[in-house]
Amino acid sequence: MPEAVEDKQRIIDALAHKAPTGAATQVFVAYVPAAEIFETTCADRTCSLEEMESPMKACLTENWDNCVHAMIRHDAKNYCLLEVGPEHE
């Protein structure tokens, strides 16, 4: 999980740039140092374990480390998985 607020903000900005839309369930993983986003769209409303881990495997294969699940889009709603700092609680 990224500790620095700046890292979290770069990831949030990168996710916003992706502009996920639609009702399909999507999984997003971020490579923290570069805020590079890896994603998959699940075949059904609920994702299989393989679909959930697909973007993480792609991130780790390319970068070896510093990959985090960043967001899930489900039923046309975005759910951010980045930990909120105490200053934002």
PDB file of N, CA and C in Angstrom:
ATOM      1  N   MET A   1       0.841  -1.171   0.000  1.00  0.00           N
ATOM      2  CA  MET A   1       0.000   0.000   0.000  1.00  0.00           C
ATOM      3  C   MET A   1       0.892   1.242   0.000  1.00  0.00           C
ATOM      4  N   PRO A   2       0.633   2.174  -0.898  1.00  0.00           N
ATOM      5  CA  PRO A   2       1.460   3.383  -0.895  1.00  0.00           C
ATOM      6  C   PRO A   2       1.238   4.193   0.374  1.00  0.00           C
ATOM      7  N   GLU A   3       2.328   4.658   0.951  1.00  0.00           N
ATOM      8  CA  GLU A   3       2.263   5.451   2.183  1.00  0.00           C
ATOM      9  C   GLU A   3       2.108   6.940   1.886  1.00  0.00           C
ATOM     10  N   ALA A   4       2.833   7.421   0.893  1.00  0.00           N
ATOM     11  CA  ALA A   4       2.864   8.855   0.608  1.00  0.00           C
ATOM     12  C   ALA A   4       1.566   9.311  -0.059  1.00  0.00           C
ATOM     13  N   VAL A   5       1.049  10.419   0.401  1.00  0.00           N
ATOM     14  CA  VAL A   5      -0.160  11.007  -0.174  1.00  0.00           C
ATOM     15  C   VAL A   5       0.060  11.291  -1.663  1.00  0.00           C
ATOM     16  N   GLU A   6       1.273  11.707  -2.020  1.00  0.00           N
ATOM     17  CA  GLU A   6       1.571  12.026  -3.413  1.00  0.00           C
ATOM     18  C   GLU A   6       1.442  10.787  -4.306  1.00  0.00           C
ATOM     19  N   ASP A   7       1.885   9.636  -3.802  1.00  0.00           N
ATOM     20  CA  ASP A   7       1.753   8.390  -4.563  1.00  0.00           C
ATOM     21  C   ASP A   7       0.287   8.031  -4.761  1.00  0.00           C
ATOM     22  N   LYS A   8      -0.484   8.153  -3.699  1.00  0.00           N
ATOM     23  CA  LYS A   8      -1.914   7.852  -3.790  1.00  0.00           C
ATOM     24  C   LYS A   8      -2.593   8.782  -4.788  1.00  0.00           C
ATOM     25  N   GLN A   9      -2.232  10.057  -4.757  1.00  0.00           N
ATOM     26  CA  GLN A   9      -2.858  11.019  -5.659  1.00  0.00           C
ATOM     27  C   GLN A   9      -2.479  10.739  -7.112  1.00  0.00           C
ATOM     28  N   ARG A  10      -1.231  10.341  -7.365  1.00  0.00           N
ATOM     29  CA  ARG A  10      -0.824  10.002  -8.735  1.00  0.00           C
ATOM     30  C   ARG A  10      -1.605   8.795  -9.249  1.00  0.00           C
ATOM     31  N   ILE A  11      -1.847   7.829  -8.369  1.00  0.00           N
ATOM     32  CA  ILE A  11      -2.627   6.652  -8.765  1.00  0.00           C
ATOM     33  C   ILE A  11      -4.079   7.047  -9.030  1.00  0.00           C
ATOM     34  N   ILE A  12      -4.651   7.851  -8.173  1.00  0.00           N
ATOM     35  CA  ILE A  12      -6.029   8.318  -8.373  1.00  0.00           C
ATOM     36  C   ILE A  12      -6.145   9.091  -9.679  1.00  0.00           C
ATOM     37  N   ASP A  13      -5.175   9.940  -9.969  1.00  0.00           N
ATOM     38  CA  ASP A  13      -5.180  10.691 -11.232  1.00  0.00           C
ATOM     39  C   ASP A  13      -5.077   9.754 -12.427  1.00  0.00           C
ATOM     40  N   ALA A  14      -4.238   8.720 -12.320  1.00  0.00           N
ATOM     41  CA  ALA A  14      -4.092   7.747 -13.416  1.00  0.00           C
ATOM     42  C   ALA A  14      -5.388   6.964 -13.614  1.00  0.00           C
ATOM     43  N   LEU A  15      -6.062   6.620 -12.529  1.00  0.00           N
ATOM     44  CA  LEU A  15      -7.350   5.931 -12.640  1.00  0.00           C
ATOM     45  C   LEU A  15      -8.399   6.833 -13.282  1.00  0.00           C
ATOM     46  N   ALA A  16      -8.398   8.099 -12.927  1.00  0.00           N
ATOM     47  CA  ALA A  16      -9.340   9.050 -13.524  1.00  0.00           C
ATOM     48  C   ALA A  16      -9.081   9.197 -15.025  1.00  0.00           C
ATOM     49  N   HIS A  17      -7.822   9.136 -15.409  1.00  0.00           N
ATOM     50  CA  HIS A  17      -7.467   9.229 -16.825  1.00  0.00           C
ATOM     51  C   HIS A  17      -8.002   8.031 -17.604  1.00  0.00           C
ATOM     52  N   LYS A  18      -8.063   6.867 -16.961  1.00  0.00           N
ATOM     53  CA  LYS A  18      -8.638   5.667 -17.587  1.00  0.00           C
ATOM     54  C   LYS A  18     -10.128   5.848 -17.825  1.00  0.00           C
ATOM     55  N   ALA A  19     -10.773   6.640 -16.994  1.00  0.00           N
ATOM     56  CA  ALA A  19     -12.197   6.946 -17.092  1.00  0.00           C
ATOM     57  C   ALA A  19     -13.054   5.696 -17.277  1.00  0.00           C
ATOM     58  N   PRO A  20     -13.022   4.758 -16.304  1.00  0.00           N
ATOM     59  CA  PRO A  20     -13.826   3.551 -16.451  1.00  0.00           C
ATOM     60  C   PRO A  20     -15.311   3.886 -16.511  1.00  0.00           C
ATOM     61  N   THR A  21     -16.022   3.222 -17.402  1.00  0.00           N
ATOM     62  CA  THR A  21     -17.460   3.445 -17.554  1.00  0.00           C
ATOM     63  C   THR A  21     -18.161   2.099 -17.710  1.00  0.00           C
ATOM     64  N   GLY A  22     -19.482   2.144 -17.675  1.00  0.00           N
ATOM     65  CA  GLY A  22     -20.269   0.938 -17.878  1.00  0.00           C
ATOM     66  C   GLY A  22     -20.530   0.189 -16.598  1.00  0.00           C
ATOM     67  N   ALA A  23     -21.348  -0.852 -16.729  1.00  0.00           N
ATOM     68  CA  ALA A  23     -21.755  -1.622 -15.559  1.00  0.00           C
ATOM     69  C   ALA A  23     -20.899  -2.864 -15.343  1.00  0.00           C
ATOM     70  N   ALA A  24     -20.027  -3.175 -16.280  1.00  0.00           N
ATOM     71  CA  ALA A  24     -19.184  -4.370 -16.136  1.00  0.00           C
ATOM     72  C   ALA A  24     -18.274  -4.235 -14.923  1.00  0.00           C
ATOM     73  N   THR A  25     -17.987  -5.354 -14.293  1.00  0.00           N
ATOM     74  CA  THR A  25     -17.074  -5.347 -13.160  1.00  0.00           C
ATOM     75  C   THR A  25     -15.646  -5.319 -13.681  1.00  0.00           C
ATOM     76  N   GLN A  26     -14.867  -4.376 -13.179  1.00  0.00           N
ATOM     77  CA  GLN A  26     -13.486  -4.191 -13.610  1.00  0.00           C
ATOM     78  C   GLN A  26     -12.575  -4.153 -12.388  1.00  0.00           C
ATOM     79  N   VAL A  27     -11.356  -4.651 -12.557  1.00  0.00           N
ATOM     80  CA  VAL A  27     -10.359  -4.669 -11.491  1.00  0.00           C
ATOM     81  C   VAL A  27      -9.146  -3.882 -11.974  1.00  0.00           C
ATOM     82  N   PHE A  28      -8.651  -2.978 -11.128  1.00  0.00           N
ATOM     83  CA  PHE A  28      -7.526  -2.115 -11.476  1.00  0.00           C
ATOM     84  C   PHE A  28      -6.406  -2.289 -10.452  1.00  0.00           C
ATOM     85  N   VAL A  29      -5.205  -2.494 -10.950  1.00  0.00           N
ATOM     86  CA  VAL A  29      -4.001  -2.612 -10.128  1.00  0.00           C
ATOM     87  C   VAL A  29      -3.047  -1.515 -10.570  1.00  0.00           C
ATOM     88  N   ALA A  30      -2.337  -0.931  -9.615  1.00  0.00           N
ATOM     89  CA  ALA A  30      -1.389   0.140  -9.933  1.00  0.00           C
ATOM     90  C   ALA A  30       0.026  -0.259  -9.545  1.00  0.00           C
ATOM     91  N   TYR A  31       0.967   0.102 -10.409  1.00  0.00           N
ATOM     92  CA  TYR A  31       2.389   0.027 -10.084  1.00  0.00           C
ATOM     93  C   TYR A  31       2.715   1.355  -9.438  1.00  0.00           C
ATOM     94  N   VAL A  32       2.977   1.354  -8.145  1.00  0.00           N
ATOM     95  CA  VAL A  32       3.057   2.577  -7.351  1.00  0.00           C
ATOM     96  C   VAL A  32       4.085   3.591  -7.866  1.00  0.00           C
ATOM     97  N   PRO A  33       5.358   3.227  -8.106  1.00  0.00           N
ATOM     98  CA  PRO A  33       6.335   4.254  -8.488  1.00  0.00           C
ATOM     99  C   PRO A  33       5.977   5.058  -9.748  1.00  0.00           C
ATOM    100  N   ALA A  34       5.310   4.413 -10.705  1.00  0.00           N
ATOM    101  CA  ALA A  34       4.994   5.105 -11.966  1.00  0.00           C
ATOM    102  C   ALA A  34       3.503   5.386 -12.121  1.00  0.00           C
ATOM    103  N   ALA A  35       2.684   4.944 -11.176  1.00  0.00           N
ATOM    104  CA  ALA A  35       1.224   5.058 -11.263  1.00  0.00           C
ATOM    105  C   ALA A  35       0.709   4.455 -12.570  1.00  0.00           C
ATOM    106  N   GLU A  36       1.360   3.386 -13.015  1.00  0.00           N
ATOM    107  CA  GLU A  36       0.919   2.674 -14.213  1.00  0.00           C
ATOM    108  C   GLU A  36      -0.234   1.750 -13.825  1.00  0.00           C
ATOM    109  N   ILE A  37      -1.289   1.752 -14.626  1.00  0.00           N
ATOM    110  CA  ILE A  37      -2.500   1.005 -14.302  1.00  0.00           C
ATOM    111  C   ILE A  37      -2.600  -0.249 -15.167  1.00  0.00           C
ATOM    112  N   PHE A  38      -2.913  -1.360 -14.510  1.00  0.00           N
ATOM    113  CA  PHE A  38      -3.181  -2.640 -15.170  1.00  0.00           C
ATOM    114  C   PHE A  38      -4.635  -2.970 -14.851  1.00  0.00           C
ATOM    115  N   GLU A  39      -5.372  -3.467 -15.824  1.00  0.00           N
ATOM    116  CA  GLU A  39      -6.803  -3.689 -15.589  1.00  0.00           C
ATOM    117  C   GLU A  39      -7.315  -4.926 -16.299  1.00  0.00           C
ATOM    118  N   THR A  40      -8.465  -5.376 -15.838  1.00  0.00           N
ATOM    119  CA  THR A  40      -9.192  -6.446 -16.507  1.00  0.00           C
ATOM    120  C   THR A  40     -10.684  -6.187 -16.337  1.00  0.00           C
ATOM    121  N   THR A  41     -11.450  -6.664 -17.293  1.00  0.00           N
ATOM    122  CA  THR A  41     -12.905  -6.620 -17.210  1.00  0.00           C
ATOM    123  C   THR A  41     -13.386  -8.052 -17.046  1.00  0.00           C
ATOM    124  N   CYS A  42     -14.184  -8.275 -16.027  1.00  0.00           N
ATOM    125  CA  CYS A  42     -14.652  -9.627 -15.725  1.00  0.00           C
ATOM    126  C   CYS A  42     -15.757 -10.046 -16.688  1.00  0.00           C
ATOM    127  N   ALA A  43     -15.817 -11.333 -16.975  1.00  0.00           N
ATOM    128  CA  ALA A  43     -16.789 -11.865 -17.926  1.00  0.00           C
ATOM    129  C   ALA A  43     -18.217 -11.768 -17.390  1.00  0.00           C
ATOM    130  N   ASP A  44     -18.383 -11.934 -16.084  1.00  0.00           N
ATOM    131  CA  ASP A  44     -19.703 -11.873 -15.461  1.00  0.00           C
ATOM    132  C   ASP A  44     -19.745 -10.736 -14.454  1.00  0.00           C
ATOM    133  N   ARG A  45     -20.891 -10.592 -13.802  1.00  0.00           N
ATOM    134  CA  ARG A  45     -21.048  -9.543 -12.786  1.00  0.00           C
ATOM    135  C   ARG A  45     -20.069  -9.747 -11.636  1.00  0.00           C
ATOM    136  N   THR A  46     -19.855 -10.997 -11.251  1.00  0.00           N
ATOM    137  CA  THR A  46     -18.844 -11.302 -10.242  1.00  0.00           C
ATOM    138  C   THR A  46     -17.613 -11.857 -10.942  1.00  0.00           C
ATOM    139  N   CYS A  47     -16.457 -11.564 -10.406  1.00  0.00           N
ATOM    140  CA  CYS A  47     -15.195 -11.971 -11.015  1.00  0.00           C
ATOM    141  C   CYS A  47     -14.733 -13.311 -10.467  1.00  0.00           C
ATOM    142  N   SER A  48     -14.077 -14.068 -11.313  1.00  0.00           N
ATOM    143  CA  SER A  48     -13.415 -15.281 -10.835  1.00  0.00           C
ATOM    144  C   SER A  48     -12.117 -14.863 -10.152  1.00  0.00           C
ATOM    145  N   LEU A  49     -11.548 -15.753  -9.379  1.00  0.00           N
ATOM    146  CA  LEU A  49     -10.266 -15.475  -8.731  1.00  0.00           C
ATOM    147  C   LEU A  49      -9.202 -15.175  -9.790  1.00  0.00           C
ATOM    148  N   GLU A  50      -9.226 -15.921 -10.878  1.00  0.00           N
ATOM    149  CA  GLU A  50      -8.260 -15.693 -11.964  1.00  0.00           C
ATOM    150  C   GLU A  50      -8.399 -14.296 -12.549  1.00  0.00           C
ATOM    151  N   GLU A  51      -9.640 -13.837 -12.735  1.00  0.00           N
ATOM    152  CA  GLU A  51      -9.862 -12.482 -13.256  1.00  0.00           C
ATOM    153  C   GLU A  51      -9.400 -11.428 -12.257  1.00  0.00           C
ATOM    154  N   MET A  52      -9.643 -11.667 -10.963  1.00  0.00           N
ATOM    155  CA  MET A  52      -9.224 -10.707  -9.934  1.00  0.00           C
ATOM    156  C   MET A  52      -7.707 -10.557  -9.898  1.00  0.00           C
ATOM    157  N   GLU A  53      -6.996 -11.640 -10.115  1.00  0.00           N
ATOM    158  CA  GLU A  53      -5.539 -11.618 -10.011  1.00  0.00           C
ATOM    159  C   GLU A  53      -4.822 -11.325 -11.336  1.00  0.00           C
ATOM    160  N   SER A  54      -5.549 -11.332 -12.429  1.00  0.00           N
ATOM    161  CA  SER A  54      -4.930 -11.111 -13.737  1.00  0.00           C
ATOM    162  C   SER A  54      -4.146  -9.799 -13.829  1.00  0.00           C
ATOM    163  N   PRO A  55      -4.715  -8.652 -13.428  1.00  0.00           N
ATOM    164  CA  PRO A  55      -3.923  -7.416 -13.517  1.00  0.00           C
ATOM    165  C   PRO A  55      -2.748  -7.386 -12.540  1.00  0.00           C
ATOM    166  N   MET A  56      -2.898  -8.041 -11.373  1.00  0.00           N
ATOM    167  CA  MET A  56      -1.787  -8.096 -10.413  1.00  0.00           C
ATOM    168  C   MET A  56      -0.642  -8.929 -10.994  1.00  0.00           C
ATOM    169  N   LYS A  57      -0.966 -10.049 -11.604  1.00  0.00           N
ATOM    170  CA  LYS A  57       0.064 -10.879 -12.225  1.00  0.00           C
ATOM    171  C   LYS A  57       0.783 -10.115 -13.329  1.00  0.00           C
ATOM    172  N   ALA A  58       0.043  -9.367 -14.130  1.00  0.00           N
ATOM    173  CA  ALA A  58       0.650  -8.586 -15.213  1.00  0.00           C
ATOM    174  C   ALA A  58       1.591  -7.524 -14.646  1.00  0.00           C
ATOM    175  N   CYS A  59       1.162  -6.850 -13.592  1.00  0.00           N
ATOM    176  CA  CYS A  59       1.985  -5.818 -12.957  1.00  0.00           C
ATOM    177  C   CYS A  59       3.254  -6.416 -12.370  1.00  0.00           C
ATOM    178  N   LEU A  60       3.102  -7.526 -11.647  1.00  0.00           N
ATOM    179  CA  LEU A  60       4.271  -8.145 -11.015  1.00  0.00           C
ATOM    180  C   LEU A  60       5.216  -8.756 -12.038  1.00  0.00           C
ATOM    181  N   THR A  61       4.684  -9.288 -13.130  1.00  0.00           N
ATOM    182  CA  THR A  61       5.526  -9.844 -14.183  1.00  0.00           C
ATOM    183  C   THR A  61       6.389  -8.757 -14.809  1.00  0.00           C
ATOM    184  N   GLU A  62       5.804  -7.594 -14.987  1.00  0.00           N
ATOM    185  CA  GLU A  62       6.525  -6.481 -15.605  1.00  0.00           C
ATOM    186  C   GLU A  62       7.445  -5.751 -14.629  1.00  0.00           C
ATOM    187  N   ASN A  63       7.034  -5.641 -13.370  1.00  0.00           N
ATOM    188  CA  ASN A  63       7.748  -4.769 -12.428  1.00  0.00           C
ATOM    189  C   ASN A  63       8.329  -5.468 -11.204  1.00  0.00           C
ATOM    190  N   TRP A  64       7.928  -6.666 -10.904  1.00  0.00           N
ATOM    191  CA  TRP A  64       8.432  -7.488  -9.797  1.00  0.00           C
ATOM    192  C   TRP A  64       7.994  -7.055  -8.405  1.00  0.00           C
ATOM    193  N   ASP A  65       7.555  -5.824  -8.204  1.00  0.00           N
ATOM    194  CA  ASP A  65       7.250  -5.351  -6.856  1.00  0.00           C
ATOM    195  C   ASP A  65       6.429  -4.067  -6.939  1.00  0.00           C
ATOM    196  N   ASN A  66       5.957  -3.603  -5.797  1.00  0.00           N
ATOM    197  CA  ASN A  66       5.268  -2.324  -5.663  1.00  0.00           C
ATOM    198  C   ASN A  66       3.969  -2.238  -6.461  1.00  0.00           C
ATOM    199  N   CYS A  67       3.214  -3.333  -6.510  1.00  0.00           N
ATOM    200  CA  CYS A  67       1.922  -3.355  -7.183  1.00  0.00           C
ATOM    201  C   CYS A  67       0.827  -3.469  -6.120  1.00  0.00           C
ATOM    202  N   VAL A  68      -0.255  -2.711  -6.294  1.00  0.00           N
ATOM    203  CA  VAL A  68      -1.365  -2.746  -5.333  1.00  0.00           C
ATOM    204  C   VAL A  68      -2.696  -2.763  -6.071  1.00  0.00           C
ATOM    205  N   HIS A  69      -3.674  -3.482  -5.503  1.00  0.00           N
ATOM    206  CA  HIS A  69      -5.040  -3.362  -6.011  1.00  0.00           C
ATOM    207  C   HIS A  69      -5.484  -1.940  -5.672  1.00  0.00           C
ATOM    208  N   ALA A  70      -5.912  -1.191  -6.674  1.00  0.00           N
ATOM    209  CA  ALA A  70      -6.226   0.223  -6.469  1.00  0.00           C
ATOM    210  C   ALA A  70      -7.719   0.527  -6.523  1.00  0.00           C
ATOM    211  N   MET A  71      -8.463  -0.181  -7.397  1.00  0.00           N
ATOM    212  CA  MET A  71      -9.882   0.135  -7.538  1.00  0.00           C
ATOM    213  C   MET A  71     -10.619  -1.053  -8.133  1.00  0.00           C
ATOM    214  N   ILE A  72     -11.875  -1.170  -7.741  1.00  0.00           N
ATOM    215  CA  ILE A  72     -12.794  -2.109  -8.370  1.00  0.00           C
ATOM    216  C   ILE A  72     -14.009  -1.307  -8.819  1.00  0.00           C
ATOM    217  N   ARG A  73     -14.450  -1.546 -10.040  1.00  0.00           N
ATOM    218  CA  ARG A  73     -15.690  -0.936 -10.538  1.00  0.00           C
ATOM    219  C   ARG A  73     -16.729  -2.052 -10.595  1.00  0.00           C
ATOM    220  N   HIS A  74     -17.843  -1.846  -9.888  1.00  0.00           N
ATOM    221  CA  HIS A  74     -18.892  -2.865  -9.803  1.00  0.00           C
ATOM    222  C   HIS A  74     -20.240  -2.174  -9.851  1.00  0.00           C
ATOM    223  N   ASP A  75     -21.128  -2.668 -10.697  1.00  0.00           N
ATOM    224  CA  ASP A  75     -22.463  -2.072 -10.861  1.00  0.00           C
ATOM    225  C   ASP A  75     -22.375  -0.564 -11.114  1.00  0.00           C
ATOM    226  N   ALA A  76     -21.448  -0.172 -11.987  1.00  0.00           N
ATOM    227  CA  ALA A  76     -21.279   1.225 -12.413  1.00  0.00           C
ATOM    228  C   ALA A  76     -20.828   2.157 -11.285  1.00  0.00           C
ATOM    229  N   LYS A  77     -20.264   1.587 -10.212  1.00  0.00           N
ATOM    230  CA  LYS A  77     -19.731   2.402  -9.110  1.00  0.00           C
ATOM    231  C   LYS A  77     -18.272   2.052  -8.911  1.00  0.00           C
ATOM    232  N   ASN A  78     -17.463   3.071  -8.642  1.00  0.00           N
ATOM    233  CA  ASN A  78     -16.034   2.882  -8.392  1.00  0.00           C
ATOM    234  C   ASN A  78     -15.799   2.742  -6.892  1.00  0.00           C
ATOM    235  N   TYR A  79     -14.976   1.748  -6.531  1.00  0.00           N
ATOM    236  CA  TYR A  79     -14.604   1.528  -5.137  1.00  0.00           C
ATOM    237  C   TYR A  79     -13.084   1.607  -5.041  1.00  0.00           C
ATOM    238  N   CYS A  80     -12.598   2.689  -4.443  1.00  0.00           N
ATOM    239  CA  CYS A  80     -11.165   2.891  -4.284  1.00  0.00           C
ATOM    240  C   CYS A  80     -10.660   1.999  -3.154  1.00  0.00           C
ATOM    241  N   LEU A  81      -9.554   1.306  -3.395  1.00  0.00           N
ATOM    242  CA  LEU A  81      -8.993   0.394  -2.407  1.00  0.00           C
ATOM    243  C   LEU A  81      -7.743   0.956  -1.732  1.00  0.00           C
ATOM    244  N   LEU A  82      -7.415   2.194  -2.025  1.00  0.00           N
ATOM    245  CA  LEU A  82      -6.252   2.820  -1.402  1.00  0.00           C
ATOM    246  C   LEU A  82      -6.617   3.251   0.007  1.00  0.00           C
ATOM    247  N   GLU A  83      -5.717   3.018   0.932  1.00  0.00           N
ATOM    248  CA  GLU A  83      -5.945   3.350   2.332  1.00  0.00           C
ATOM    249  C   GLU A  83      -5.997   4.868   2.515  1.00  0.00           C
ATOM    250  N   VAL A  84      -6.980   5.319   3.254  1.00  0.00           N
ATOM    251  CA  VAL A  84      -7.122   6.743   3.539  1.00  0.00           C
ATOM    252  C   VAL A  84      -6.209   7.120   4.693  1.00  0.00           C
ATOM    253  N   GLY A  85      -5.513   8.239   4.554  1.00  0.00           N
ATOM    254  CA  GLY A  85      -4.654   8.715   5.626  1.00  0.00           C
ATOM    255  C   GLY A  85      -5.477   9.308   6.758  1.00  0.00           C
ATOM    256  N   PRO A  86      -4.906   9.406   7.956  1.00  0.00           N
ATOM    257  CA  PRO A  86      -5.645   9.925   9.111  1.00  0.00           C
ATOM    258  C   PRO A  86      -6.125  11.364   8.909  1.00  0.00           C
ATOM    259  N   GLU A  87      -5.442  12.102   8.048  1.00  0.00           N
ATOM    260  CA  GLU A  87      -5.857  13.486   7.805  1.00  0.00           C
ATOM    261  C   GLU A  87      -7.131  13.579   6.973  1.00  0.00           C
ATOM    262  N   HIS A  88      -7.580  12.442   6.385  1.00  0.00           N
ATOM    263  CA  HIS A  88      -8.771  12.429   5.555  1.00  0.00           C
ATOM    264  C   HIS A  88      -9.913  11.607   6.154  1.00  0.00           C
ATOM    265  N   GLU A  89      -9.759  11.130   7.361  1.00  0.00           N
ATOM    266  CA  GLU A  89     -10.813  10.294   7.978  1.00  0.00           C
ATOM    267  C   GLU A  89     -11.925  11.153   8.537  1.00  0.00           C
TER     268      GLU A  89
END
